[in-house]
PDB file of N, CA and C in Angstrom:
ATOM      1  N   ILE A   1      34.206  -7.162 -10.502  1.00  0.00           N
ATOM      2  CA  ILE A   1      36.021  -8.093 -10.450  1.00  0.00           C
ATOM      3  C   ILE A   1      36.613  -9.219  -9.586  1.00  0.00           C
ATOM      4  N   VAL A   2      34.689  -9.661  -9.235  1.00  0.00           N
ATOM      5  CA  VAL A   2      35.420 -11.141  -8.927  1.00  0.00           C
ATOM      6  C   VAL A   2      35.105 -12.426 -10.316  1.00  0.00           C
ATOM      7  N   ALA A   3      34.367 -12.070 -11.092  1.00  0.00           N
ATOM      8  CA  ALA A   3      33.767 -12.481 -12.172  1.00  0.00           C
ATOM      9  C   ALA A   3      34.882 -12.879 -13.195  1.00  0.00           C
ATOM     10  N   SER A   4      36.004 -11.615 -13.156  1.00  0.00           N
ATOM     11  CA  SER A   4      37.806 -11.474 -13.989  1.00  0.00           C
ATOM     12  C   SER A   4      38.084 -12.645 -13.094  1.00  0.00           C
ATOM     13  N   LEU A   5      38.074 -12.607 -12.337  1.00  0.00           N
ATOM     14  CA  LEU A   5      39.193 -13.650 -11.284  1.00  0.00           C
ATOM     15  C   LEU A   5      39.152 -15.389 -11.510  1.00  0.00           C
ATOM     16  N   ILE A   6      37.425 -15.849 -11.732  1.00  0.00           N
ATOM     17  CA  ILE A   6      37.003 -16.933 -11.521  1.00  0.00           C
ATOM     18  C   ILE A   6      37.823 -17.313 -12.603  1.00  0.00           C
ATOM     19  N   PRO A   7      38.287 -17.548 -14.139  1.00  0.00           N
ATOM     20  CA  PRO A   7      38.614 -18.478 -14.620  1.00  0.00           C
ATOM     21  C   PRO A   7      40.568 -18.613 -14.106  1.00  0.00           C
ATOM     22  N   ILE A   8      41.103 -17.123 -14.271  1.00  0.00           N
ATOM     23  CA  ILE A   8      42.226 -17.359 -13.236  1.00  0.00           C
ATOM     24  C   ILE A   8      42.195 -18.934 -12.108  1.00  0.00           C
ATOM     25  N   GLY A   9      41.707 -18.618 -11.206  1.00  0.00           N
ATOM     26  CA  GLY A   9      41.500 -19.549  -9.969  1.00  0.00           C
ATOM     27  C   GLY A   9      41.428 -21.014 -10.652  1.00  0.00           C
ATOM     28  N   LEU A  10      40.495 -21.168 -11.472  1.00  0.00           N
ATOM     29  CA  LEU A  10      40.389 -22.391 -12.016  1.00  0.00           C
ATOM     30  C   LEU A  10      41.049 -23.533 -12.746  1.00  0.00           C
ATOM     31  N   ASN A  11      41.774 -21.766 -13.536  1.00  0.00           N
ATOM     32  CA  ASN A  11      42.914 -22.557 -13.894  1.00  0.00           C
ATOM     33  C   ASN A  11      43.976 -23.044 -13.771  1.00  0.00           C
ATOM     34  N   HIS A  12      44.910 -22.555 -12.489  1.00  0.00           N
ATOM     35  CA  HIS A  12      45.729 -23.037 -11.749  1.00  0.00           C
ATOM     36  C   HIS A  12      45.290 -24.493 -10.327  1.00  0.00           C
ATOM     37  N   TYR A  13      43.785 -24.782 -11.010  1.00  0.00           N
ATOM     38  CA  TYR A  13      43.559 -26.421 -10.843  1.00  0.00           C
ATOM     39  C   TYR A  13      43.205 -27.409 -11.979  1.00  0.00           C
ATOM     40  N   GLY A  14      43.868 -26.750 -13.353  1.00  0.00           N
ATOM     41  CA  GLY A  14      43.986 -27.376 -14.124  1.00  0.00           C
ATOM     42  C   GLY A  14      42.100 -27.491 -14.867  1.00  0.00           C
ATOM     43  N   ILE A  15      41.441 -26.647 -14.391  1.00  0.00           N
ATOM     44  CA  ILE A  15      40.139 -26.912 -15.133  1.00  0.00           C
ATOM     45  C   ILE A  15      40.642 -25.347 -16.265  1.00  0.00           C
ATOM     46  N   THR A  16      39.901 -26.462 -17.698  1.00  0.00           N
ATOM     47  CA  THR A  16      40.246 -26.036 -18.612  1.00  0.00           C
ATOM     48  C   THR A  16      39.210 -25.688 -19.643  1.00  0.00           C
ATOM     49  N   GLY A  17      39.627 -25.728 -21.279  1.00  0.00           N
ATOM     50  CA  GLY A  17      38.074 -25.711 -22.240  1.00  0.00           C
ATOM     51  C   GLY A  17      37.073 -25.146 -21.540  1.00  0.00           C
ATOM     52  N   HIS A  18      35.969 -25.885 -22.335  1.00  0.00           N
ATOM     53  CA  HIS A  18      34.544 -25.359 -22.526  1.00  0.00           C
ATOM     54  C   HIS A  18      34.017 -25.466 -20.810  1.00  0.00           C
ATOM     55  N   LYS A  19      34.964 -26.405 -20.018  1.00  0.00           N
ATOM     56  CA  LYS A  19      34.441 -27.034 -18.619  1.00  0.00           C
ATOM     57  C   LYS A  19      34.910 -25.698 -17.843  1.00  0.00           C
ATOM     58  N   LEU A  20      36.143 -25.016 -17.981  1.00  0.00           N
ATOM     59  CA  LEU A  20      36.411 -24.052 -17.006  1.00  0.00           C
ATOM     60  C   LEU A  20      35.513 -22.434 -17.475  1.00  0.00           C
ATOM     61  N   TRP A  21      35.005 -22.771 -18.832  1.00  0.00           N
ATOM     62  CA  TRP A  21      33.687 -21.430 -19.331  1.00  0.00           C
ATOM     63  C   TRP A  21      32.626 -21.429 -18.681  1.00  0.00           C
ATOM     64  N   PHE A  22      32.100 -22.639 -18.800  1.00  0.00           N
ATOM     65  CA  PHE A  22      30.719 -23.296 -18.340  1.00  0.00           C
ATOM     66  C   PHE A  22      30.734 -23.297 -16.598  1.00  0.00           C
ATOM     67  N   ILE A  23      31.381 -23.155 -16.019  1.00  0.00           N
ATOM     68  CA  ILE A  23      31.710 -22.994 -14.507  1.00  0.00           C
ATOM     69  C   ILE A  23      31.673 -21.450 -14.298  1.00  0.00           C
ATOM     70  N   CYS A  24      32.383 -20.764 -14.545  1.00  0.00           N
ATOM     71  CA  CYS A  24      32.693 -19.429 -14.536  1.00  0.00           C
ATOM     72  C   CYS A  24      31.721 -18.715 -15.027  1.00  0.00           C
ATOM     73  N   SER A  25      30.670 -18.680 -16.855  1.00  0.00           N
ATOM     74  CA  SER A  25      29.654 -18.230 -16.705  1.00  0.00           C
ATOM     75  C   SER A  25      28.636 -18.320 -15.702  1.00  0.00           C
ATOM     76  N   LEU A  26      28.543 -20.375 -14.984  1.00  0.00           N
ATOM     77  CA  LEU A  26      27.813 -20.255 -14.446  1.00  0.00           C
ATOM     78  C   LEU A  26      27.664 -20.061 -13.123  1.00  0.00           C
ATOM     79  N   ALA A  27      28.983 -18.976 -12.446  1.00  0.00           N
ATOM     80  CA  ALA A  27      29.254 -18.623 -11.355  1.00  0.00           C
ATOM     81  C   ALA A  27      28.855 -16.846 -11.510  1.00  0.00           C
ATOM     82  N   PHE A  28      29.459 -16.446 -13.428  1.00  0.00           N
ATOM     83  CA  PHE A  28      28.872 -15.101 -12.910  1.00  0.00           C
ATOM     84  C   PHE A  28      27.509 -14.846 -13.129  1.00  0.00           C
ATOM     85  N   LEU A  29      26.505 -15.389 -13.584  1.00  0.00           N
ATOM     86  CA  LEU A  29      25.146 -15.524 -14.326  1.00  0.00           C
ATOM     87  C   LEU A  29      24.546 -15.716 -12.127  1.00  0.00           C
ATOM     88  N   PHE A  30      25.439 -16.221 -11.266  1.00  0.00           N
ATOM     89  CA  PHE A  30      24.488 -16.361  -9.931  1.00  0.00           C
ATOM     90  C   PHE A  30      25.117 -15.624  -9.193  1.00  0.00           C
ATOM     91  N   LEU A  31      26.386 -15.439  -9.445  1.00  0.00           N
ATOM     92  CA  LEU A  31      26.338 -13.931  -8.718  1.00  0.00           C
ATOM     93  C   LEU A  31      25.490 -12.666  -9.122  1.00  0.00           C
ATOM     94  N   ASN A  32      25.564 -12.592 -10.234  1.00  0.00           N
ATOM     95  CA  ASN A  32      24.336 -11.384 -10.846  1.00  0.00           C
ATOM     96  C   ASN A  32      22.793 -11.155 -10.262  1.00  0.00           C
ATOM     97  N   TRP A  33      22.526 -12.562 -11.014  1.00  0.00           N
ATOM     98  CA  TRP A  33      21.385 -12.654 -10.114  1.00  0.00           C
ATOM     99  C   TRP A  33      21.160 -12.493  -8.566  1.00  0.00           C
ATOM    100  N   VAL A  34      22.377 -12.958  -7.830  1.00  0.00           N
ATOM    101  CA  VAL A  34      21.932 -12.700  -5.977  1.00  0.00           C
ATOM    102  C   VAL A  34      22.226 -11.092  -5.818  1.00  0.00           C
ATOM    103  N   MET A  35      23.538 -11.072  -6.093  1.00  0.00           N
ATOM    104  CA  MET A  35      23.451  -9.750  -6.251  1.00  0.00           C
ATOM    105  C   MET A  35      22.339  -8.666  -6.385  1.00  0.00           C
ATOM    106  N   ALA A  36      21.820  -8.964  -7.464  1.00  0.00           N
ATOM    107  CA  ALA A  36      20.578  -7.936  -8.154  1.00  0.00           C
ATOM    108  C   ALA A  36      19.419  -8.195  -6.797  1.00  0.00           C
ATOM    109  N   ILE A  37      18.869 -10.043  -6.702  1.00  0.00           N
ATOM    110  CA  ILE A  37      17.535 -10.433  -5.777  1.00  0.00           C
ATOM    111  C   ILE A  37      17.427  -9.413  -4.340  1.00  0.00           C
ATOM    112  N   LEU A  38      19.600  -9.537  -3.661  1.00  0.00           N
ATOM    113  CA  LEU A  38      19.750  -8.986  -2.641  1.00  0.00           C
ATOM    114  C   LEU A  38      19.232  -7.775  -2.099  1.00  0.00           C
ATOM    115  N   SER A  39      19.833  -6.749  -3.552  1.00  0.00           N
ATOM    116  CA  SER A  39      19.964  -5.707  -3.488  1.00  0.00           C
ATOM    117  C   SER A  39      18.535  -5.477  -3.964  1.00  0.00           C
ATOM    118  N   LEU A  40      17.566  -5.905  -4.164  1.00  0.00           N
ATOM    119  CA  LEU A  40      16.347  -5.492  -3.988  1.00  0.00           C
ATOM    120  C   LEU A  40      15.069  -5.761  -3.135  1.00  0.00           C
ATOM    121  N   ARG A  41      16.320  -6.865  -2.305  1.00  0.00           N
ATOM    122  CA  ARG A  41      15.559  -6.766  -0.826  1.00  0.00           C
ATOM    123  C   ARG A  41      15.552  -5.298   0.325  1.00  0.00           C
ATOM    124  N   ASN A  42      16.268  -4.410  -0.157  1.00  0.00           N
ATOM    125  CA  ASN A  42      16.899  -3.508   0.848  1.00  0.00           C
ATOM    126  C   ASN A  42      16.089  -2.258   0.279  1.00  0.00           C
ATOM    127  N   PRO A  43      14.783  -2.316   1.076  1.00  0.00           N
ATOM    128  CA  PRO A  43      13.855  -1.604   0.678  1.00  0.00           C
ATOM    129  C   PRO A  43      14.302   0.039  -0.381  1.00  0.00           C
ATOM    130  N   GLU A  44      15.323   0.653   0.519  1.00  0.00           N
ATOM    131  CA  GLU A  44      16.439   2.112  -0.229  1.00  0.00           C
ATOM    132  C   GLU A  44      16.431   1.332  -1.787  1.00  0.00           C
ATOM    133  N   ASN A  45      16.991   0.177  -1.793  1.00  0.00           N
ATOM    134  CA  ASN A  45      17.393   0.089  -3.498  1.00  0.00           C
ATOM    135  C   ASN A  45      15.935  -0.368  -3.459  1.00  0.00           C
ATOM    136  N   ARG A  46      15.028  -1.125  -3.323  1.00  0.00           N
ATOM    137  CA  ARG A  46      13.778  -1.507  -4.063  1.00  0.00           C
ATOM    138  C   ARG A  46      13.324  -0.084  -4.062  1.00  0.00           C
ATOM    139  N   ALA A  47      12.471   1.375  -3.356  1.00  0.00           N
ATOM    140  CA  ALA A  47      12.443   2.236  -3.426  1.00  0.00           C
ATOM    141  C   ALA A  47      13.127   2.861  -4.890  1.00  0.00           C
ATOM    142  N   PHE A  48      14.312   3.567  -4.794  1.00  0.00           N
ATOM    143  CA  PHE A  48      15.338   3.623  -6.293  1.00  0.00           C
ATOM    144  C   PHE A  48      14.830   3.114  -7.692  1.00  0.00           C
ATOM    145  N   THR A  49      14.741   1.669  -7.576  1.00  0.00           N
ATOM    146  CA  THR A  49      14.786   1.232  -8.956  1.00  0.00           C
ATOM    147  C   THR A  49      12.939   1.300  -9.438  1.00  0.00           C
ATOM    148  N   ILE A  50      12.145   0.997  -8.986  1.00  0.00           N
ATOM    149  CA  ILE A  50      10.661   1.030  -9.106  1.00  0.00           C
ATOM    150  C   ILE A  50      10.885   2.802  -9.045  1.00  0.00           C
ATOM    151  N   ASN A  51      11.239   3.779  -8.449  1.00  0.00           N
ATOM    152  CA  ASN A  51      11.248   5.495  -8.974  1.00  0.00           C
ATOM    153  C   ASN A  51      11.925   5.675  -9.826  1.00  0.00           C
ATOM    154  N   TRP A  52      13.031   4.685 -10.062  1.00  0.00           N
ATOM    155  CA  TRP A  52      13.788   4.631 -11.457  1.00  0.00           C
ATOM    156  C   TRP A  52      12.499   3.938 -12.800  1.00  0.00           C
ATOM    157  N   PHE A  53      12.249   3.049 -12.546  1.00  0.00           N
ATOM    158  CA  PHE A  53      11.091   2.980 -13.658  1.00  0.00           C
ATOM    159  C   PHE A  53       9.815   3.334 -13.938  1.00  0.00           C
ATOM    160  N   ARG A  54       9.646   4.820 -12.720  1.00  0.00           N
ATOM    161  CA  ARG A  54       8.669   5.765 -12.596  1.00  0.00           C
ATOM    162  C   ARG A  54       9.313   6.946 -13.504  1.00  0.00           C
ATOM    163  N   THR A  55      10.286   6.978 -13.169  1.00  0.00           N
ATOM    164  CA  THR A  55      10.481   8.659 -13.599  1.00  0.00           C
ATOM    165  C   THR A  55      11.123   8.407 -15.252  1.00  0.00           C
ATOM    166  N   LYS A  56      11.757   7.299 -15.019  1.00  0.00           N
ATOM    167  CA  LYS A  56      12.771   7.044 -16.340  1.00  0.00           C
ATOM    168  C   LYS A  56      12.764   6.205 -17.105  1.00  0.00           C
ATOM    169  N   PRO A  57      11.327   5.946 -17.704  1.00  0.00           N
ATOM    170  CA  PRO A  57      10.774   4.135 -17.971  1.00  0.00           C
ATOM    171  C   PRO A  57      12.022   3.933 -19.562  1.00  0.00           C
ATOM    172  N   ILE A  58      12.004   5.490 -20.490  1.00  0.00           N
ATOM    173  CA  ILE A  58      12.749   4.455 -21.123  1.00  0.00           C
ATOM    174  C   ILE A  58      14.462   4.624 -21.076  1.00  0.00           C
ATOM    175  N   ILE A  59      14.550   4.980 -20.388  1.00  0.00           N
ATOM    176  CA  ILE A  59      16.643   4.882 -20.021  1.00  0.00           C
ATOM    177  C   ILE A  59      16.336   3.075 -19.003  1.00  0.00           C
ATOM    178  N   ALA A  60      15.689   2.998 -18.130  1.00  0.00           N
ATOM    179  CA  ALA A  60      15.223   1.851 -17.527  1.00  0.00           C
ATOM    180  C   ALA A  60      15.820   0.677 -18.345  1.00  0.00           C
ATOM    181  N   VAL A  61      14.051   0.963 -19.494  1.00  0.00           N
ATOM    182  CA  VAL A  61      14.361  -0.028 -20.659  1.00  0.00           C
ATOM    183  C   VAL A  61      15.493  -0.593 -21.441  1.00  0.00           C
ATOM    184  N   LEU A  62      16.049   0.632 -22.149  1.00  0.00           N
ATOM    185  CA  LEU A  62      17.231   0.461 -22.507  1.00  0.00           C
ATOM    186  C   LEU A  62      18.551   0.016 -21.964  1.00  0.00           C
ATOM    187  N   PHE A  63      18.210   0.292 -20.866  1.00  0.00           N
ATOM    188  CA  PHE A  63      19.466  -0.500 -19.897  1.00  0.00           C
ATOM    189  C   PHE A  63      19.141  -1.706 -19.925  1.00  0.00           C
ATOM    190  N   PHE A  64      18.154  -2.472 -19.797  1.00  0.00           N
ATOM    191  CA  PHE A  64      17.584  -4.282 -19.870  1.00  0.00           C
ATOM    192  C   PHE A  64      18.111  -4.488 -21.184  1.00  0.00           C
ATOM    193  N   LEU A  65      17.431  -3.851 -22.368  1.00  0.00           N
ATOM    194  CA  LEU A  65      18.077  -4.441 -23.713  1.00  0.00           C
ATOM    195  C   LEU A  65      19.423  -4.057 -24.408  1.00  0.00           C
ATOM    196  N   LEU A  66      20.526  -3.019 -23.841  1.00  0.00           N
ATOM    197  CA  LEU A  66      21.286  -2.454 -24.331  1.00  0.00           C
ATOM    198  C   LEU A  66      22.343  -3.518 -23.970  1.00  0.00           C
ATOM    199  N   LEU A  67      22.474  -3.344 -22.203  1.00  0.00           N
ATOM    200  CA  LEU A  67      23.391  -3.808 -21.227  1.00  0.00           C
ATOM    201  C   LEU A  67      23.133  -4.759 -20.783  1.00  0.00           C
ATOM    202  N   GLU A  68      21.850  -5.198 -19.868  1.00  0.00           N
ATOM    203  CA  GLU A  68      21.942  -6.497 -19.263  1.00  0.00           C
ATOM    204  C   GLU A  68      21.440  -7.866 -20.354  1.00  0.00           C
ATOM    205  N   LEU A  69      20.729  -7.517 -20.601  1.00  0.00           N
ATOM    206  CA  LEU A  69      20.176  -8.766 -21.867  1.00  0.00           C
ATOM    207  C   LEU A  69      21.875  -9.411 -22.475  1.00  0.00           C
ATOM    208  N   PRO A  70      22.323  -8.069 -23.402  1.00  0.00           N
ATOM    209  CA  PRO A  70      23.603  -8.040 -24.226  1.00  0.00           C
ATOM    210  C   PRO A  70      24.409  -9.263 -23.140  1.00  0.00           C
ATOM    211  N   PHE A  71      24.288  -8.672 -22.171  1.00  0.00           N
ATOM    212  CA  PHE A  71      25.640  -9.183 -20.877  1.00  0.00           C
ATOM    213  C   PHE A  71      25.416 -10.824 -20.559  1.00  0.00           C
ATOM    214  N   GLN A  72      23.873 -11.150 -20.256  1.00  0.00           N
ATOM    215  CA  GLN A  72      23.245 -12.422 -20.302  1.00  0.00           C
ATOM    216  C   GLN A  72      23.443 -13.641 -21.030  1.00  0.00           C
ATOM    217  N   VAL A  73      22.799 -12.946 -22.622  1.00  0.00           N
ATOM    218  CA  VAL A  73      23.382 -13.880 -23.418  1.00  0.00           C
ATOM    219  C   VAL A  73      24.627 -14.869 -24.293  1.00  0.00           C
ATOM    220  N   PRO A  74      25.597 -14.188 -24.296  1.00  0.00           N
ATOM    221  CA  PRO A  74      26.597 -14.751 -23.988  1.00  0.00           C
ATOM    222  C   PRO A  74      27.115 -15.474 -23.103  1.00  0.00           C
ATOM    223  N   LEU A  75      26.754 -15.473 -21.708  1.00  0.00           N
ATOM    224  CA  LEU A  75      26.819 -16.485 -20.385  1.00  0.00           C
ATOM    225  C   LEU A  75      26.082 -17.717 -20.878  1.00  0.00           C
ATOM    226  N   ILE A  76      25.284 -17.409 -21.657  1.00  0.00           N
ATOM    227  CA  ILE A  76      23.975 -18.611 -21.737  1.00  0.00           C
ATOM    228  C   ILE A  76      24.930 -19.365 -22.711  1.00  0.00           C
ATOM    229  N   LEU A  77      24.950 -18.334 -24.205  1.00  0.00           N
ATOM    230  CA  LEU A  77      25.698 -19.172 -25.413  1.00  0.00           C
ATOM    231  C   LEU A  77      26.392 -20.139 -24.510  1.00  0.00           C
ATOM    232  N   ILE A  78      28.135 -19.547 -23.500  1.00  0.00           N
ATOM    233  CA  ILE A  78      29.089 -20.743 -23.534  1.00  0.00           C
ATOM    234  C   ILE A  78      28.058 -22.080 -22.410  1.00  0.00           C
ATOM    235  N   LEU A  79      26.680 -21.299 -21.852  1.00  0.00           N
ATOM    236  CA  LEU A  79      26.447 -22.061 -21.159  1.00  0.00           C
ATOM    237  C   LEU A  79      25.657 -23.027 -21.879  1.00  0.00           C
ATOM    238  N   ILE A  80      24.985 -23.377 -22.981  1.00  0.00           N
ATOM    239  CA  ILE A  80      24.372 -24.203 -24.475  1.00  0.00           C
ATOM    240  C   ILE A  80      26.022 -25.082 -24.872  1.00  0.00           C
ATOM    241  N   GLY A  81      26.806 -24.221 -24.801  1.00  0.00           N
ATOM    242  CA  GLY A  81      28.281 -24.898 -25.598  1.00  0.00           C
ATOM    243  C   GLY A  81      28.247 -25.107 -26.815  1.00  0.00           C
ATOM    244  N   LEU A  82      27.440 -24.264 -27.537  1.00  0.00           N
ATOM    245  CA  LEU A  82      27.740 -23.728 -28.990  1.00  0.00           C
ATOM    246  C   LEU A  82      28.542 -23.699 -29.787  1.00  0.00           C
ATOM    247  N   TYR A  83      29.302 -22.600 -29.296  1.00  0.00           N
ATOM    248  CA  TYR A  83      30.548 -22.654 -29.641  1.00  0.00           C
ATOM    249  C   TYR A  83      31.589 -21.838 -29.094  1.00  0.00           C
ATOM    250  N   PRO A  84      32.074 -23.500 -28.691  1.00  0.00           N
ATOM    251  CA  PRO A  84      33.399 -23.805 -27.750  1.00  0.00           C
ATOM    252  C   PRO A  84      34.679 -22.376 -28.404  1.00  0.00           C
ATOM    253  N   ASN A  85      34.771 -22.159 -29.895  1.00  0.00           N
ATOM    254  CA  ASN A  85      36.101 -21.368 -29.735  1.00  0.00           C
ATOM    255  C   ASN A  85      35.369 -20.062 -29.549  1.00  0.00           C
ATOM    256  N   LEU A  86      34.269 -19.517 -29.413  1.00  0.00           N
ATOM    257  CA  LEU A  86      34.252 -18.767 -28.708  1.00  0.00           C
ATOM    258  C   LEU A  86      33.950 -17.679 -27.611  1.00  0.00           C
ATOM    259  N   GLU A  87      34.031 -19.221 -26.645  1.00  0.00           N
ATOM    260  CA  GLU A  87      33.637 -19.230 -25.244  1.00  0.00           C
ATOM    261  C   GLU A  87      34.500 -18.126 -24.925  1.00  0.00           C
ATOM    262  N   LEU A  88      35.702 -17.914 -24.994  1.00  0.00           N
ATOM    263  CA  LEU A  88      36.716 -17.034 -24.282  1.00  0.00           C
ATOM    264  C   LEU A  88      36.057 -15.833 -24.479  1.00  0.00           C
ATOM    265  N   ALA A  89      35.889 -15.262 -25.753  1.00  0.00           N
ATOM    266  CA  ALA A  89      35.677 -13.655 -26.312  1.00  0.00           C
ATOM    267  C   ALA A  89      34.195 -13.750 -25.370  1.00  0.00           C
ATOM    268  N   PHE A  90      33.184 -14.867 -25.386  1.00  0.00           N
ATOM    269  CA  PHE A  90      31.766 -14.449 -25.126  1.00  0.00           C
ATOM    270  C   PHE A  90      32.128 -14.025 -23.946  1.00  0.00           C
ATOM    271  N   TYR A  91      32.875 -15.039 -22.734  1.00  0.00           N
ATOM    272  CA  TYR A  91      32.901 -14.297 -21.721  1.00  0.00           C
ATOM    273  C   TYR A  91      34.234 -12.768 -21.089  1.00  0.00           C
ATOM    274  N   THR A  92      34.620 -12.469 -22.596  1.00  0.00           N
ATOM    275  CA  THR A  92      35.542 -11.623 -22.360  1.00  0.00           C
ATOM    276  C   THR A  92      33.849 -10.493 -22.339  1.00  0.00           C
ATOM    277  N   THR A  93      33.298 -10.036 -23.223  1.00  0.00           N
ATOM    278  CA  THR A  93      32.248  -9.303 -23.854  1.00  0.00           C
ATOM    279  C   THR A  93      31.389  -9.183 -22.202  1.00  0.00           C
ATOM    280  N   ALA A  94      31.483 -10.096 -21.679  1.00  0.00           N
ATOM    281  CA  ALA A  94      30.434  -9.901 -20.333  1.00  0.00           C
ATOM    282  C   ALA A  94      30.913  -8.720 -19.106  1.00  0.00           C
ATOM    283  N   LEU A  95      32.214 -10.046 -19.321  1.00  0.00           N
ATOM    284  CA  LEU A  95      32.522  -8.735 -18.383  1.00  0.00           C
ATOM    285  C   LEU A  95      32.833  -7.304 -18.375  1.00  0.00           C
ATOM    286  N   LEU A  96      32.900  -6.884 -19.623  1.00  0.00           N
ATOM    287  CA  LEU A  96      33.168  -5.562 -20.256  1.00  0.00           C
ATOM    288  C   LEU A  96      31.513  -5.027 -20.147  1.00  0.00           C
ATOM    289  N   LEU A  97      30.500  -5.671 -20.406  1.00  0.00           N
ATOM    290  CA  LEU A  97      28.833  -5.440 -20.226  1.00  0.00           C
ATOM    291  C   LEU A  97      29.091  -4.715 -18.775  1.00  0.00           C
ATOM    292  N   ASN A  98      29.093  -6.242 -17.740  1.00  0.00           N
ATOM    293  CA  ASN A  98      28.747  -5.674 -16.177  1.00  0.00           C
ATOM    294  C   ASN A  98      29.863  -4.862 -16.654  1.00  0.00           C
ATOM    295  N   LEU A  99      30.725  -4.766 -16.456  1.00  0.00           N
ATOM    296  CA  LEU A  99      31.692  -3.244 -16.189  1.00  0.00           C
ATOM    297  C   LEU A  99      30.500  -2.232 -16.972  1.00  0.00           C
ATOM    298  N   PHE A 100      29.700  -1.623 -17.314  1.00  0.00           N
ATOM    299  CA  PHE A 100      29.555  -0.981 -17.794  1.00  0.00           C
ATOM    300  C   PHE A 100      27.720  -0.405 -17.288  1.00  0.00           C
ATOM    301  N   GLU A 101      27.589  -1.240 -17.288  1.00  0.00           N
ATOM    302  CA  GLU A 101      26.416  -1.573 -16.304  1.00  0.00           C
ATOM    303  C   GLU A 101      26.713  -1.009 -15.046  1.00  0.00           C
ATOM    304  N   ALA A 102      28.063  -1.384 -14.477  1.00  0.00           N
ATOM    305  CA  ALA A 102      27.969  -0.899 -12.973  1.00  0.00           C
ATOM    306  C   ALA A 102      28.109   0.890 -12.869  1.00  0.00           C
ATOM    307  N   ALA A 103      29.036   0.826 -14.045  1.00  0.00           N
ATOM    308  CA  ALA A 103      29.016   2.060 -14.492  1.00  0.00           C
ATOM    309  C   ALA A 103      28.291   2.920 -14.210  1.00  0.00           C
ATOM    310  N   PHE A 104      27.335   2.433 -15.125  1.00  0.00           N
ATOM    311  CA  PHE A 104      26.223   3.127 -15.122  1.00  0.00           C
ATOM    312  C   PHE A 104      25.131   3.410 -13.989  1.00  0.00           C
ATOM    313  N   VAL A 105      24.908   1.920 -13.600  1.00  0.00           N
ATOM    314  CA  VAL A 105      24.097   2.224 -12.087  1.00  0.00           C
ATOM    315  C   VAL A 105      24.799   3.735 -11.445  1.00  0.00           C
ATOM    316  N   LEU A 106      25.849   3.382 -10.781  1.00  0.00           N
ATOM    317  CA  LEU A 106      26.120   4.016 -10.048  1.00  0.00           C
ATOM    318  C   LEU A 106      26.600   5.786 -10.105  1.00  0.00           C
ATOM    319  N   THR A 107      26.773   5.962 -11.577  1.00  0.00           N
ATOM    320  CA  THR A 107      26.381   7.172 -12.367  1.00  0.00           C
ATOM    321  C   THR A 107      24.564   7.721 -11.903  1.00  0.00           C
ATOM    322  N   GLN A 108      23.611   6.639 -12.496  1.00  0.00           N
ATOM    323  CA  GLN A 108      22.168   6.663 -11.940  1.00  0.00           C
ATOM    324  C   GLN A 108      22.636   7.086 -10.151  1.00  0.00           C
ATOM    325  N   ILE A 109      22.781   6.611  -9.145  1.00  0.00           N
ATOM    326  CA  ILE A 109      22.790   6.488  -7.894  1.00  0.00           C
ATOM    327  C   ILE A 109      23.232   8.010  -7.515  1.00  0.00           C
ATOM    328  N   VAL A 110      24.727   8.148  -8.349  1.00  0.00           N
ATOM    329  CA  VAL A 110      25.125   9.689  -8.050  1.00  0.00           C
ATOM    330  C   VAL A 110      24.293  10.500  -8.247  1.00  0.00           C
ATOM    331  N   TYR A 111      23.838  11.054  -9.268  1.00  0.00           N
ATOM    332  CA  TYR A 111      23.321  11.703  -9.991  1.00  0.00           C
ATOM    333  C   TYR A 111      21.976  11.849  -9.588  1.00  0.00           C
ATOM    334  N   SER A 112      21.485  10.612  -8.266  1.00  0.00           N
ATOM    335  CA  SER A 112      19.982  11.301  -8.374  1.00  0.00           C
ATOM    336  C   SER A 112      20.112  11.208  -6.525  1.00  0.00           C
ATOM    337  N   GLN A 113      21.604  11.630  -6.033  1.00  0.00           N
ATOM    338  CA  GLN A 113      22.194  11.673  -4.851  1.00  0.00           C
ATOM    339  C   GLN A 113      22.088  13.170  -5.179  1.00  0.00           C
ATOM    340  N   VAL A 114      22.415  13.689  -6.063  1.00  0.00           N
ATOM    341  CA  VAL A 114      22.920  15.420  -6.217  1.00  0.00           C
ATOM    342  C   VAL A 114      22.051  16.399  -6.676  1.00  0.00           C
ATOM    343  N   ASN A 115      20.851  15.209  -7.288  1.00  0.00           N
ATOM    344  CA  ASN A 115      19.072  16.448  -7.337  1.00  0.00           C
ATOM    345  C   ASN A 115      18.287  15.975  -6.261  1.00  0.00           C
ATOM    346  N   LYS A 116      18.932  15.465  -5.249  1.00  0.00           N
ATOM    347  CA  LYS A 116      17.711  15.136  -4.378  1.00  0.00           C
ATOM    348  C   LYS A 116      17.793  17.338  -3.246  1.00  0.00           C
ATOM    349  N   PRO A 117      16.229  17.674  -3.728  1.00  0.00           N
ATOM    350  CA  PRO A 117      15.810  18.510  -2.671  1.00  0.00           C
ATOM    351  C   PRO A 117      16.867  18.705  -1.141  1.00  0.00           C
ATOM    352  N   ARG A 118      17.383  19.717  -1.136  1.00  0.00           N
ATOM    353  CA  ARG A 118      17.777  19.964   0.671  1.00  0.00           C
ATOM    354  C   ARG A 118      16.686  20.446   1.269  1.00  0.00           C
ATOM    355  N   ALA A 119      16.814  19.419   2.361  1.00  0.00           N
ATOM    356  CA  ALA A 119      15.714  19.940   3.630  1.00  0.00           C
ATOM    357  C   ALA A 119      16.443  21.817   4.491  1.00  0.00           C
TER     358      ALA A 119
END
C-alpha cells in the first residue's frame, strides 16, 4: 500500500518521468528488502520460513520463481531505464505481484495456524 502512494506523493512535488519512476522503484525495492530482512530477524518468522522450505520446497521455489522474481524484474528494468515508455506499466505490474505475494503469504500463515495440533 505504501509503494502505491509513493508516485502520488512525489508527483505533487513536481517530480515526473523517469526520475519519478526511478525513485519509486528504488523505494519499493528498498522497502521490500528491509521488510524481508527485518521479518527474518524475528525467530518465529525465521523458523516458519525454514520450515516452509523444508516441508513445501516446490511451493517455496514456485513462490520465488512466479511471484518474487517477476515482482523485482520490472522494478530493476525501471532502474536501468531501458523502456521509459513502459515504466508506469512496470511499476503497476510490480504492485500487483506484490499484492499477490502478500495474499499468498497471509494464506500460508493462516493455514499453518489452522493445521497446528491442539495441546
